[in-house]
């Protein structure tokens, strides 16, 4: 079992080894806001300094990141919207560049 507070003390993270689930609770009222099934046994888990993400390391070597979003907290909902927009913009440009780099060149020497 792994249990800890996020750095902002807004949430408690609880990992149940038997069920392989991670649950997130609000500290202000104890309400559960997330229940996630893990693909493998958790070896390490930690929250980011801003308390808005959880990084989990598994027994098989995989690492996964979860965003902590409380749908009743407008600041976390706004953060999620801005994060998604930022992520989309950061992926579109490199993909477009990779596509341009991979376009086949027309070889006119054999015509």
PDB file of N, CA and C in Angstrom:
ATOM      1  N   UNK A   1       0.844  -1.169   0.000  1.00  0.00           N
ATOM      2  CA  UNK A   1       0.000   0.000   0.000  1.00  0.00           C
ATOM      3  C   UNK A   1       0.896   1.241   0.000  1.00  0.00           C
ATOM      4  N   UNK A   2       0.516   2.209  -0.829  1.00  0.00           N
ATOM      5  CA  UNK A   2       1.198   3.496  -0.884  1.00  0.00           C
ATOM      6  C   UNK A   2       0.145   4.559  -0.618  1.00  0.00           C
ATOM      7  N   UNK A   3       0.413   5.442   0.320  1.00  0.00           N
ATOM      8  CA  UNK A   3      -0.512   6.532   0.627  1.00  0.00           C
ATOM      9  C   UNK A   3       0.298   7.792   0.883  1.00  0.00           C
ATOM     10  N   UNK A   4      -0.097   8.905   0.258  1.00  0.00           N
ATOM     11  CA  UNK A   4       0.594  10.169   0.502  1.00  0.00           C
ATOM     12  C   UNK A   4      -0.282  11.348   0.085  1.00  0.00           C
ATOM     13  N   UNK A   5       0.058  12.522   0.624  1.00  0.00           N
ATOM     14  CA  UNK A   5      -0.587  13.770   0.238  1.00  0.00           C
ATOM     15  C   UNK A   5       0.162  14.354  -0.954  1.00  0.00           C
ATOM     16  N   UNK A   6      -0.561  15.052  -1.819  1.00  0.00           N
ATOM     17  CA  UNK A   6       0.105  15.793  -2.887  1.00  0.00           C
ATOM     18  C   UNK A   6       0.836  16.972  -2.247  1.00  0.00           C
ATOM     19  N   UNK A   7       1.839  17.556  -2.910  1.00  0.00           N
ATOM     20  CA  UNK A   7       2.574  18.688  -2.329  1.00  0.00           C
ATOM     21  C   UNK A   7       1.697  19.884  -1.945  1.00  0.00           C
ATOM     22  N   UNK A   8       0.566  20.046  -2.615  1.00  0.00           N
ATOM     23  CA  UNK A   8      -0.327  21.160  -2.291  1.00  0.00           C
ATOM     24  C   UNK A   8      -1.299  20.813  -1.166  1.00  0.00           C
ATOM     25  N   UNK A   9      -1.283  19.564  -0.712  1.00  0.00           N
ATOM     26  CA  UNK A   9      -2.185  19.059   0.335  1.00  0.00           C
ATOM     27  C   UNK A   9      -3.658  19.116  -0.052  1.00  0.00           C
ATOM     28  N   UNK A  10      -3.943  19.211  -1.342  1.00  0.00           N
ATOM     29  CA  UNK A  10      -5.333  19.229  -1.795  1.00  0.00           C
ATOM     30  C   UNK A  10      -5.903  17.829  -1.977  1.00  0.00           C
ATOM     31  N   UNK A  11      -5.018  16.831  -2.152  1.00  0.00           N
ATOM     32  CA  UNK A  11      -5.472  15.470  -2.424  1.00  0.00           C
ATOM     33  C   UNK A  11      -4.637  14.446  -1.665  1.00  0.00           C
ATOM     34  N   UNK A  12      -5.273  13.302  -1.411  1.00  0.00           N
ATOM     35  CA  UNK A  12      -4.582  12.143  -0.859  1.00  0.00           C
ATOM     36  C   UNK A  12      -4.590  11.074  -1.945  1.00  0.00           C
ATOM     37  N   UNK A  13      -3.437  10.474  -2.189  1.00  0.00           N
ATOM     38  CA  UNK A  13      -3.302   9.406  -3.167  1.00  0.00           C
ATOM     39  C   UNK A  13      -3.210   8.090  -2.396  1.00  0.00           C
ATOM     40  N   UNK A  14      -3.988   7.108  -2.800  1.00  0.00           N
ATOM     41  CA  UNK A  14      -4.014   5.813  -2.123  1.00  0.00           C
ATOM     42  C   UNK A  14      -3.902   4.709  -3.162  1.00  0.00           C
ATOM     43  N   UNK A  15      -2.883   3.852  -3.014  1.00  0.00           N
ATOM     44  CA  UNK A  15      -2.711   2.709  -3.904  1.00  0.00           C
ATOM     45  C   UNK A  15      -3.002   1.435  -3.131  1.00  0.00           C
ATOM     46  N   UNK A  16      -3.931   0.613  -3.649  1.00  0.00           N
ATOM     47  CA  UNK A  16      -4.279  -0.667  -3.059  1.00  0.00           C
ATOM     48  C   UNK A  16      -3.567  -1.752  -3.849  1.00  0.00           C
ATOM     49  N   UNK A  17      -2.581  -2.402  -3.218  1.00  0.00           N
ATOM     50  CA  UNK A  17      -1.766  -3.401  -3.907  1.00  0.00           C
ATOM     51  C   UNK A  17      -2.591  -4.624  -4.325  1.00  0.00           C
ATOM     52  N   UNK A  18      -3.525  -5.048  -3.501  1.00  0.00           N
ATOM     53  CA  UNK A  18      -4.340  -6.223  -3.812  1.00  0.00           C
ATOM     54  C   UNK A  18      -5.237  -6.020  -5.022  1.00  0.00           C
ATOM     55  N   UNK A  19      -5.882  -4.865  -5.094  1.00  0.00           N
ATOM     56  CA  UNK A  19      -6.785  -4.563  -6.215  1.00  0.00           C
ATOM     57  C   UNK A  19      -6.070  -3.885  -7.375  1.00  0.00           C
ATOM     58  N   UNK A  20      -4.806  -3.467  -7.140  1.00  0.00           N
ATOM     59  CA  UNK A  20      -4.035  -2.709  -8.136  1.00  0.00           C
ATOM     60  C   UNK A  20      -4.805  -1.492  -8.633  1.00  0.00           C
ATOM     61  N   UNK A  21      -5.314  -0.713  -7.691  1.00  0.00           N
ATOM     62  CA  UNK A  21      -6.040   0.514  -8.035  1.00  0.00           C
ATOM     63  C   UNK A  21      -5.406   1.699  -7.324  1.00  0.00           C
ATOM     64  N   UNK A  22      -5.484   2.838  -7.991  1.00  0.00           N
ATOM     65  CA  UNK A  22      -5.072   4.102  -7.387  1.00  0.00           C
ATOM     66  C   UNK A  22      -6.332   4.932  -7.214  1.00  0.00           C
ATOM     67  N   UNK A  23      -6.524   5.428  -6.012  1.00  0.00           N
ATOM     68  CA  UNK A  23      -7.672   6.291  -5.727  1.00  0.00           C
ATOM     69  C   UNK A  23      -7.168   7.655  -5.280  1.00  0.00           C
ATOM     70  N   UNK A  24      -7.893   8.671  -5.688  1.00  0.00           N
ATOM     71  CA  UNK A  24      -7.545  10.045  -5.334  1.00  0.00           C
ATOM     72  C   UNK A  24      -8.720  10.626  -4.554  1.00  0.00           C
ATOM     73  N   UNK A  25      -8.412  11.224  -3.389  1.00  0.00           N
ATOM     74  CA  UNK A  25      -9.428  11.813  -2.534  1.00  0.00           C
ATOM     75  C   UNK A  25      -9.125  13.286  -2.310  1.00  0.00           C
ATOM     76  N   UNK A  26     -10.173  14.110  -2.274  1.00  0.00           N
ATOM     77  CA  UNK A  26     -10.035  15.521  -1.897  1.00  0.00           C
ATOM     78  C   UNK A  26      -9.828  15.592  -0.387  1.00  0.00           C
ATOM     79  N   UNK A  27      -8.888  16.397   0.066  1.00  0.00           N
ATOM     80  CA  UNK A  27      -8.651  16.498   1.509  1.00  0.00           C
ATOM     81  C   UNK A  27      -9.688  17.373   2.199  1.00  0.00           C
ATOM     82  N   UNK A  28     -10.268  18.314   1.480  1.00  0.00           N
ATOM     83  CA  UNK A  28     -11.203  19.243   2.106  1.00  0.00           C
ATOM     84  C   UNK A  28     -12.470  18.548   2.623  1.00  0.00           C
ATOM     85  N   UNK A  29     -12.928  17.496   1.906  1.00  0.00           N
ATOM     86  CA  UNK A  29     -14.153  16.812   2.319  1.00  0.00           C
ATOM     87  C   UNK A  29     -14.055  15.287   2.275  1.00  0.00           C
ATOM     88  N   UNK A  30     -12.896  14.750   1.887  1.00  0.00           N
ATOM     89  CA  UNK A  30     -12.708  13.302   1.841  1.00  0.00           C
ATOM     90  C   UNK A  30     -13.388  12.601   0.677  1.00  0.00           C
ATOM     91  N   UNK A  31     -13.942  13.363  -0.247  1.00  0.00           N
ATOM     92  CA  UNK A  31     -14.651  12.797  -1.398  1.00  0.00           C
ATOM     93  C   UNK A  31     -13.671  12.155  -2.381  1.00  0.00           C
ATOM     94  N   UNK A  32     -13.971  10.940  -2.820  1.00  0.00           N
ATOM     95  CA  UNK A  32     -13.143  10.270  -3.827  1.00  0.00           C
ATOM     96  C   UNK A  32     -13.427  10.897  -5.190  1.00  0.00           C
ATOM     97  N   UNK A  33     -12.361  11.302  -5.896  1.00  0.00           N
ATOM     98  CA  UNK A  33     -12.554  11.927  -7.205  1.00  0.00           C
ATOM     99  C   UNK A  33     -11.995  11.088  -8.349  1.00  0.00           C
ATOM    100  N   UNK A  34     -11.250  10.021  -8.019  1.00  0.00           N
ATOM    101  CA  UNK A  34     -10.717   9.160  -9.083  1.00  0.00           C
ATOM    102  C   UNK A  34     -10.480   7.754  -8.541  1.00  0.00           C
ATOM    103  N   UNK A  35     -10.646   6.791  -9.440  1.00  0.00           N
ATOM    104  CA  UNK A  35     -10.377   5.388  -9.135  1.00  0.00           C
ATOM    105  C   UNK A  35      -9.852   4.766 -10.424  1.00  0.00           C
ATOM    106  N   UNK A  36      -8.552   4.474 -10.461  1.00  0.00           N
ATOM    107  CA  UNK A  36      -7.920   3.998 -11.691  1.00  0.00           C
ATOM    108  C   UNK A  36      -7.345   2.607 -11.495  1.00  0.00           C
ATOM    109  N   UNK A  37      -7.594   1.729 -12.435  1.00  0.00           N
ATOM    110  CA  UNK A  37      -7.029   0.379 -12.430  1.00  0.00           C
ATOM    111  C   UNK A  37      -5.638   0.446 -13.046  1.00  0.00           C
ATOM    112  N   UNK A  38      -4.651  -0.116 -12.370  1.00  0.00           N
ATOM    113  CA  UNK A  38      -3.274  -0.097 -12.859  1.00  0.00           C
ATOM    114  C   UNK A  38      -2.979  -1.347 -13.677  1.00  0.00           C
ATOM    115  N   UNK A  39      -2.197  -1.212 -14.758  1.00  0.00           N
ATOM    116  CA  UNK A  39      -1.887  -2.345 -15.620  1.00  0.00           C
ATOM    117  C   UNK A  39      -0.879  -3.324 -15.008  1.00  0.00           C
ATOM    118  N   UNK A  40      -0.120  -2.888 -14.002  1.00  0.00           N
ATOM    119  CA  UNK A  40       0.879  -3.728 -13.339  1.00  0.00           C
ATOM    120  C   UNK A  40       1.028  -3.233 -11.903  1.00  0.00           C
ATOM    121  N   UNK A  41       1.830  -3.942 -11.118  1.00  0.00           N
ATOM    122  CA  UNK A  41       2.051  -3.523  -9.735  1.00  0.00           C
ATOM    123  C   UNK A  41       2.833  -2.214  -9.714  1.00  0.00           C
ATOM    124  N   UNK A  42       2.400  -1.308  -8.852  1.00  0.00           N
ATOM    125  CA  UNK A  42       3.047   0.000  -8.714  1.00  0.00           C
ATOM    126  C   UNK A  42       4.281  -0.150  -7.827  1.00  0.00           C
ATOM    127  N   UNK A  43       5.391   0.376  -8.290  1.00  0.00           N
ATOM    128  CA  UNK A  43       6.629   0.400  -7.503  1.00  0.00           C
ATOM    129  C   UNK A  43       6.854   1.767  -6.865  1.00  0.00           C
ATOM    130  N   UNK A  44       6.481   2.820  -7.578  1.00  0.00           N
ATOM    131  CA  UNK A  44       6.691   4.182  -7.082  1.00  0.00           C
ATOM    132  C   UNK A  44       5.607   5.084  -7.637  1.00  0.00           C
ATOM    133  N   UNK A  45       5.176   6.027  -6.831  1.00  0.00           N
ATOM    134  CA  UNK A  45       4.207   7.028  -7.284  1.00  0.00           C
ATOM    135  C   UNK A  45       4.543   8.352  -6.610  1.00  0.00           C
ATOM    136  N   UNK A  46       4.425   9.422  -7.369  1.00  0.00           N
ATOM    137  CA  UNK A  46       4.636  10.747  -6.797  1.00  0.00           C
ATOM    138  C   UNK A  46       3.815  11.765  -7.560  1.00  0.00           C
ATOM    139  N   UNK A  47       3.495  12.830  -6.862  1.00  0.00           N
ATOM    140  CA  UNK A  47       2.718  13.910  -7.468  1.00  0.00           C
ATOM    141  C   UNK A  47       3.665  15.039  -7.861  1.00  0.00           C
ATOM    142  N   UNK A  48       3.285  15.767  -8.896  1.00  0.00           N
ATOM    143  CA  UNK A  48       4.081  16.927  -9.314  1.00  0.00           C
ATOM    144  C   UNK A  48       3.965  18.017  -8.252  1.00  0.00           C
ATOM    145  N   UNK A  49       4.887  18.962  -8.285  1.00  0.00           N
ATOM    146  CA  UNK A  49       4.911  20.022  -7.272  1.00  0.00           C
ATOM    147  C   UNK A  49       3.630  20.856  -7.248  1.00  0.00           C
ATOM    148  N   UNK A  50       2.985  21.019  -8.418  1.00  0.00           N
ATOM    149  CA  UNK A  50       1.747  21.799  -8.448  1.00  0.00           C
ATOM    150  C   UNK A  50       0.529  20.972  -8.036  1.00  0.00           C
ATOM    151  N   UNK A  51       0.726  19.671  -7.778  1.00  0.00           N
ATOM    152  CA  UNK A  51      -0.351  18.811  -7.319  1.00  0.00           C
ATOM    153  C   UNK A  51      -1.392  18.483  -8.370  1.00  0.00           C
ATOM    154  N   UNK A  52      -1.082  18.714  -9.635  1.00  0.00           N
ATOM    155  CA  UNK A  52      -2.074  18.504 -10.686  1.00  0.00           C
ATOM    156  C   UNK A  52      -1.811  17.270 -11.539  1.00  0.00           C
ATOM    157  N   UNK A  53      -0.752  16.530 -11.224  1.00  0.00           N
ATOM    158  CA  UNK A  53      -0.465  15.307 -11.975  1.00  0.00           C
ATOM    159  C   UNK A  53       0.159  14.276 -11.047  1.00  0.00           C
ATOM    160  N   UNK A  54      -0.031  13.025 -11.413  1.00  0.00           N
ATOM    161  CA  UNK A  54       0.513  11.908 -10.664  1.00  0.00           C
ATOM    162  C   UNK A  54       1.352  11.077 -11.632  1.00  0.00           C
ATOM    163  N   UNK A  55       2.602  10.801 -11.259  1.00  0.00           N
ATOM    164  CA  UNK A  55       3.496   9.992 -12.083  1.00  0.00           C
ATOM    165  C   UNK A  55       3.679   8.655 -11.374  1.00  0.00           C
ATOM    166  N   UNK A  56       3.441   7.572 -12.116  1.00  0.00           N
ATOM    167  CA  UNK A  56       3.461   6.236 -11.530  1.00  0.00           C
ATOM    168  C   UNK A  56       4.474   5.362 -12.272  1.00  0.00           C
ATOM    169  N   UNK A  57       5.333   4.680 -11.511  1.00  0.00           N
ATOM    170  CA  UNK A  57       6.283   3.729 -12.075  1.00  0.00           C
ATOM    171  C   UNK A  57       5.849   2.321 -11.722  1.00  0.00           C
ATOM    172  N   UNK A  58       5.827   1.446 -12.717  1.00  0.00           N
ATOM    173  CA  UNK A  58       5.329   0.083 -12.526  1.00  0.00           C
ATOM    174  C   UNK A  58       6.464  -0.927 -12.445  1.00  0.00           C
ATOM    175  N   UNK A  59       6.127  -2.097 -11.944  1.00  0.00           N
ATOM    176  CA  UNK A  59       7.058  -3.205 -11.789  1.00  0.00           C
ATOM    177  C   UNK A  59       7.695  -3.621 -13.113  1.00  0.00           C
ATOM    178  N   UNK A  60       6.944  -3.488 -14.209  1.00  0.00           N
ATOM    179  CA  UNK A  60       7.459  -3.906 -15.523  1.00  0.00           C
ATOM    180  C   UNK A  60       8.327  -2.839 -16.195  1.00  0.00           C
ATOM    181  N   UNK A  61       8.560  -1.719 -15.510  1.00  0.00           N
ATOM    182  CA  UNK A  61       9.412  -0.666 -16.046  1.00  0.00           C
ATOM    183  C   UNK A  61       8.654   0.460 -16.733  1.00  0.00           C
ATOM    184  N   UNK A  62       7.368   0.301 -16.922  1.00  0.00           N
ATOM    185  CA  UNK A  62       6.561   1.345 -17.567  1.00  0.00           C
ATOM    186  C   UNK A  62       6.351   2.518 -16.610  1.00  0.00           C
ATOM    187  N   UNK A  63       6.165   3.684 -17.185  1.00  0.00           N
ATOM    188  CA  UNK A  63       5.874   4.899 -16.429  1.00  0.00           C
ATOM    189  C   UNK A  63       4.635   5.527 -17.051  1.00  0.00           C
ATOM    190  N   UNK A  64       3.736   5.989 -16.200  1.00  0.00           N
ATOM    191  CA  UNK A  64       2.491   6.578 -16.689  1.00  0.00           C
ATOM    192  C   UNK A  64       2.206   7.848 -15.898  1.00  0.00           C
ATOM    193  N   UNK A  65       1.602   8.817 -16.562  1.00  0.00           N
ATOM    194  CA  UNK A  65       1.238  10.068 -15.897  1.00  0.00           C
ATOM    195  C   UNK A  65      -0.267  10.259 -15.973  1.00  0.00           C
ATOM    196  N   UNK A  66      -0.856  10.601 -14.846  1.00  0.00           N
ATOM    197  CA  UNK A  66      -2.285  10.891 -14.760  1.00  0.00           C
ATOM    198  C   UNK A  66      -2.462  12.343 -14.364  1.00  0.00           C
ATOM    199  N   UNK A  67      -3.387  13.026 -14.987  1.00  0.00           N
ATOM    200  CA  UNK A  67      -3.741  14.363 -14.538  1.00  0.00           C
ATOM    201  C   UNK A  67      -4.771  14.233 -13.428  1.00  0.00           C
ATOM    202  N   UNK A  68      -4.616  15.018 -12.374  1.00  0.00           N
ATOM    203  CA  UNK A  68      -5.574  15.021 -11.279  1.00  0.00           C
ATOM    204  C   UNK A  68      -6.562  16.140 -11.558  1.00  0.00           C
ATOM    205  N   UNK A  69      -7.768  15.754 -11.941  1.00  0.00           N
ATOM    206  CA  UNK A  69      -8.785  16.740 -12.306  1.00  0.00           C
ATOM    207  C   UNK A  69     -10.027  16.506 -11.475  1.00  0.00           C
ATOM    208  N   UNK A  70     -10.411  17.533 -10.734  1.00  0.00           N
ATOM    209  CA  UNK A  70     -11.638  17.495  -9.948  1.00  0.00           C
ATOM    210  C   UNK A  70     -12.680  18.297 -10.718  1.00  0.00           C
ATOM    211  N   UNK A  71     -13.674  17.621 -11.233  1.00  0.00           N
ATOM    212  CA  UNK A  71     -14.648  18.304 -12.099  1.00  0.00           C
ATOM    213  C   UNK A  71     -15.442  19.380 -11.367  1.00  0.00           C
ATOM    214  N   UNK A  72     -15.400  19.382 -10.043  1.00  0.00           N
ATOM    215  CA  UNK A  72     -16.114  20.407  -9.283  1.00  0.00           C
ATOM    216  C   UNK A  72     -15.222  21.594  -8.921  1.00  0.00           C
ATOM    217  N   UNK A  73     -13.967  21.538  -9.291  1.00  0.00           N
ATOM    218  CA  UNK A  73     -13.028  22.631  -9.039  1.00  0.00           C
ATOM    219  C   UNK A  73     -12.719  23.315 -10.369  1.00  0.00           C
ATOM    220  N   UNK A  74     -13.173  24.531 -10.523  1.00  0.00           N
ATOM    221  CA  UNK A  74     -13.032  25.235 -11.801  1.00  0.00           C
ATOM    222  C   UNK A  74     -11.570  25.456 -12.190  1.00  0.00           C
ATOM    223  N   UNK A  75     -10.666  25.577 -11.226  1.00  0.00           N
ATOM    224  CA  UNK A  75      -9.262  25.806 -11.576  1.00  0.00           C
ATOM    225  C   UNK A  75      -8.639  24.566 -12.214  1.00  0.00           C
ATOM    226  N   UNK A  76      -9.006  23.372 -11.748  1.00  0.00           N
ATOM    227  CA  UNK A  76      -8.441  22.172 -12.363  1.00  0.00           C
ATOM    228  C   UNK A  76      -9.053  21.914 -13.732  1.00  0.00           C
ATOM    229  N   UNK A  77     -10.312  22.264 -13.901  1.00  0.00           N
ATOM    230  CA  UNK A  77     -10.945  22.111 -15.212  1.00  0.00           C
ATOM    231  C   UNK A  77     -10.285  23.063 -16.209  1.00  0.00           C
ATOM    232  N   UNK A  78     -10.035  24.302 -15.795  1.00  0.00           N
ATOM    233  CA  UNK A  78      -9.355  25.268 -16.667  1.00  0.00           C
ATOM    234  C   UNK A  78      -7.943  24.792 -16.990  1.00  0.00           C
ATOM    235  N   UNK A  79      -7.248  24.223 -16.002  1.00  0.00           N
ATOM    236  CA  UNK A  79      -5.898  23.700 -16.232  1.00  0.00           C
ATOM    237  C   UNK A  79      -5.936  22.575 -17.269  1.00  0.00           C
ATOM    238  N   UNK A  80      -6.920  21.693 -17.170  1.00  0.00           N
ATOM    239  CA  UNK A  80      -7.036  20.591 -18.122  1.00  0.00           C
ATOM    240  C   UNK A  80      -7.251  21.116 -19.535  1.00  0.00           C
ATOM    241  N   UNK A  81      -8.123  22.087 -19.677  1.00  0.00           N
ATOM    242  CA  UNK A  81      -8.377  22.649 -21.009  1.00  0.00           C
ATOM    243  C   UNK A  81      -7.120  23.283 -21.584  1.00  0.00           C
ATOM    244  N   UNK A  82      -6.385  24.033 -20.773  1.00  0.00           N
ATOM    245  CA  UNK A  82      -5.165  24.676 -21.276  1.00  0.00           C
ATOM    246  C   UNK A  82      -4.083  23.633 -21.551  1.00  0.00           C
ATOM    247  N   UNK A  83      -4.005  22.602 -20.743  1.00  0.00           N
ATOM    248  CA  UNK A  83      -3.008  21.550 -20.939  1.00  0.00           C
ATOM    249  C   UNK A  83      -3.256  20.810 -22.235  1.00  0.00           C
ATOM    250  N   UNK A  84      -4.511  20.488 -22.506  1.00  0.00           N
ATOM    251  CA  UNK A  84      -4.840  19.781 -23.747  1.00  0.00           C
ATOM    252  C   UNK A  84      -4.497  20.642 -24.954  1.00  0.00           C
ATOM    253  N   UNK A  85      -4.794  21.925 -24.882  1.00  0.00           N
ATOM    254  CA  UNK A  85      -4.486  22.813 -26.002  1.00  0.00           C
ATOM    255  C   UNK A  85      -2.972  22.893 -26.199  1.00  0.00           C
ATOM    256  N   UNK A  86      -2.237  23.005 -25.104  1.00  0.00           N
ATOM    257  CA  UNK A  86      -0.781  23.069 -25.183  1.00  0.00           C
ATOM    258  C   UNK A  86      -0.227  21.774 -25.775  1.00  0.00           C
ATOM    259  N   UNK A  87      -0.734  20.633 -25.311  1.00  0.00           N
ATOM    260  CA  UNK A  87      -0.255  19.358 -25.810  1.00  0.00           C
ATOM    261  C   UNK A  87      -0.524  19.213 -27.300  1.00  0.00           C
ATOM    262  N   UNK A  88      -1.714  19.585 -27.729  1.00  0.00           N
ATOM    263  CA  UNK A  88      -2.065  19.482 -29.139  1.00  0.00           C
ATOM    264  C   UNK A  88      -1.121  20.331 -29.983  1.00  0.00           C
ATOM    265  N   UNK A  89      -0.900  21.568 -29.564  1.00  0.00           N
ATOM    266  CA  UNK A  89      -0.014  22.449 -30.325  1.00  0.00           C
ATOM    267  C   UNK A  89       1.414  21.914 -30.349  1.00  0.00           C
ATOM    268  N   UNK A  90       1.866  21.321 -29.255  1.00  0.00           N
ATOM    269  CA  UNK A  90       3.240  20.837 -29.210  1.00  0.00           C
ATOM    270  C   UNK A  90       3.431  19.602 -30.075  1.00  0.00           C
ATOM    271  N   UNK A  91       2.364  18.837 -30.337  1.00  0.00           N
ATOM    272  CA  UNK A  91       2.475  17.649 -31.181  1.00  0.00           C
ATOM    273  C   UNK A  91       2.251  17.950 -32.655  1.00  0.00           C
ATOM    274  N   UNK A  92       1.425  18.910 -32.965  1.00  0.00           N
ATOM    275  CA  UNK A  92       1.077  19.181 -34.361  1.00  0.00           C
ATOM    276  C   UNK A  92       2.289  19.652 -35.144  1.00  0.00           C
ATOM    277  N   UNK A  93       3.037  20.593 -34.617  1.00  0.00           N
ATOM    278  CA  UNK A  93       4.170  21.148 -35.358  1.00  0.00           C
ATOM    279  C   UNK A  93       5.234  20.090 -35.676  1.00  0.00           C
ATOM    280  N   UNK A  94       5.706  19.279 -34.691  1.00  0.00           N
ATOM    281  CA  UNK A  94       6.700  18.254 -35.056  1.00  0.00           C
ATOM    282  C   UNK A  94       6.167  17.224 -36.049  1.00  0.00           C
ATOM    283  N   UNK A  95       4.898  16.857 -35.938  1.00  0.00           N
ATOM    284  CA  UNK A  95       4.324  15.882 -36.869  1.00  0.00           C
ATOM    285  C   UNK A  95       4.283  16.474 -38.269  1.00  0.00           C
ATOM    286  N   UNK A  96       3.897  17.738 -38.373  1.00  0.00           N
ATOM    287  CA  UNK A  96       3.879  18.387 -39.679  1.00  0.00           C
ATOM    288  C   UNK A  96       5.282  18.443 -40.258  1.00  0.00           C
ATOM    289  N   UNK A  97       6.277  18.747 -39.415  1.00  0.00           N
ATOM    290  CA  UNK A  97       7.652  18.820 -39.893  1.00  0.00           C
ATOM    291  C   UNK A  97       8.143  17.441 -40.320  1.00  0.00           C
ATOM    292  N   UNK A  98       7.802  16.406 -39.549  1.00  0.00           N
ATOM    293  CA  UNK A  98       8.212  15.045 -39.905  1.00  0.00           C
ATOM    294  C   UNK A  98       7.586  14.634 -41.231  1.00  0.00           C
ATOM    295  N   UNK A  99       6.346  15.030 -41.452  1.00  0.00           N
ATOM    296  CA  UNK A  99       5.666  14.703 -42.702  1.00  0.00           C
ATOM    297  C   UNK A  99       6.359  15.383 -43.875  1.00  0.00           C
ATOM    298  N   UNK A 100       6.734  16.636 -43.693  1.00  0.00           N
ATOM    299  CA  UNK A 100       7.437  17.354 -44.754  1.00  0.00           C
ATOM    300  C   UNK A 100       8.800  16.721 -45.038  1.00  0.00           C
ATOM    301  N   UNK A 101       9.481  16.295 -43.965  1.00  0.00           N
ATOM    302  CA  UNK A 101      10.804  15.685 -44.135  1.00  0.00           C
ATOM    303  C   UNK A 101      10.728  14.340 -44.845  1.00  0.00           C
ATOM    304  N   UNK A 102       9.621  13.630 -44.698  1.00  0.00           N
ATOM    305  CA  UNK A 102       9.493  12.284 -45.254  1.00  0.00           C
ATOM    306  C   UNK A 102       8.851  12.252 -46.632  1.00  0.00           C
ATOM    307  N   UNK A 103       8.429  13.379 -47.146  1.00  0.00           N
ATOM    308  CA  UNK A 103       7.803  13.384 -48.466  1.00  0.00           C
ATOM    309  C   UNK A 103       8.817  12.905 -49.499  1.00  0.00           C
ATOM    310  N   UNK A 104       8.401  11.984 -50.349  1.00  0.00           N
ATOM    311  CA  UNK A 104       9.350  11.458 -51.328  1.00  0.00           C
ATOM    312  C   UNK A 104       9.774  12.533 -52.337  1.00  0.00           C
ATOM    313  N   UNK A 105      11.028  12.456 -52.674  1.00  0.00           N
ATOM    314  CA  UNK A 105      11.568  13.383 -53.665  1.00  0.00           C
ATOM    315  C   UNK A 105      11.392  12.770 -55.049  1.00  0.00           C
ATOM    316  N   UNK A 106      10.988  13.556 -55.974  1.00  0.00           N
ATOM    317  CA  UNK A 106      10.802  13.087 -57.333  1.00  0.00           C
ATOM    318  C   UNK A 106      12.166  13.029 -58.008  1.00  0.00           C
ATOM    319  N   UNK A 107      12.518  11.829 -58.468  1.00  0.00           N
ATOM    320  CA  UNK A 107      13.806  11.644 -59.135  1.00  0.00           C
ATOM    321  C   UNK A 107      13.584  11.761 -60.638  1.00  0.00           C
ATOM    322  N   UNK A 108      14.057  12.855 -61.222  1.00  0.00           N
ATOM    323  CA  UNK A 108      13.847  13.103 -62.650  1.00  0.00           C
ATOM    324  C   UNK A 108      15.006  12.590 -63.510  1.00  0.00           C
ATOM    325  N   UNK A 109      16.005  12.002 -62.887  1.00  0.00           N
ATOM    326  CA  UNK A 109      17.159  11.535 -63.659  1.00  0.00           C
ATOM    327  C   UNK A 109      16.843  10.280 -64.461  1.00  0.00           C
ATOM    328  N   UNK A 110      15.837   9.525 -64.030  1.00  0.00           N
ATOM    329  CA  UNK A 110      15.515   8.291 -64.729  1.00  0.00           C
ATOM    330  C   UNK A 110      14.455   8.503 -65.802  1.00  0.00           C
ATOM    331  N   UNK A 111      13.939   9.668 -65.973  1.00  0.00           N
ATOM    332  CA  UNK A 111      12.883   9.908 -66.978  1.00  0.00           C
ATOM    333  C   UNK A 111      13.428  10.108 -68.341  1.00  0.00           C
TER     334      UNK A 111
END
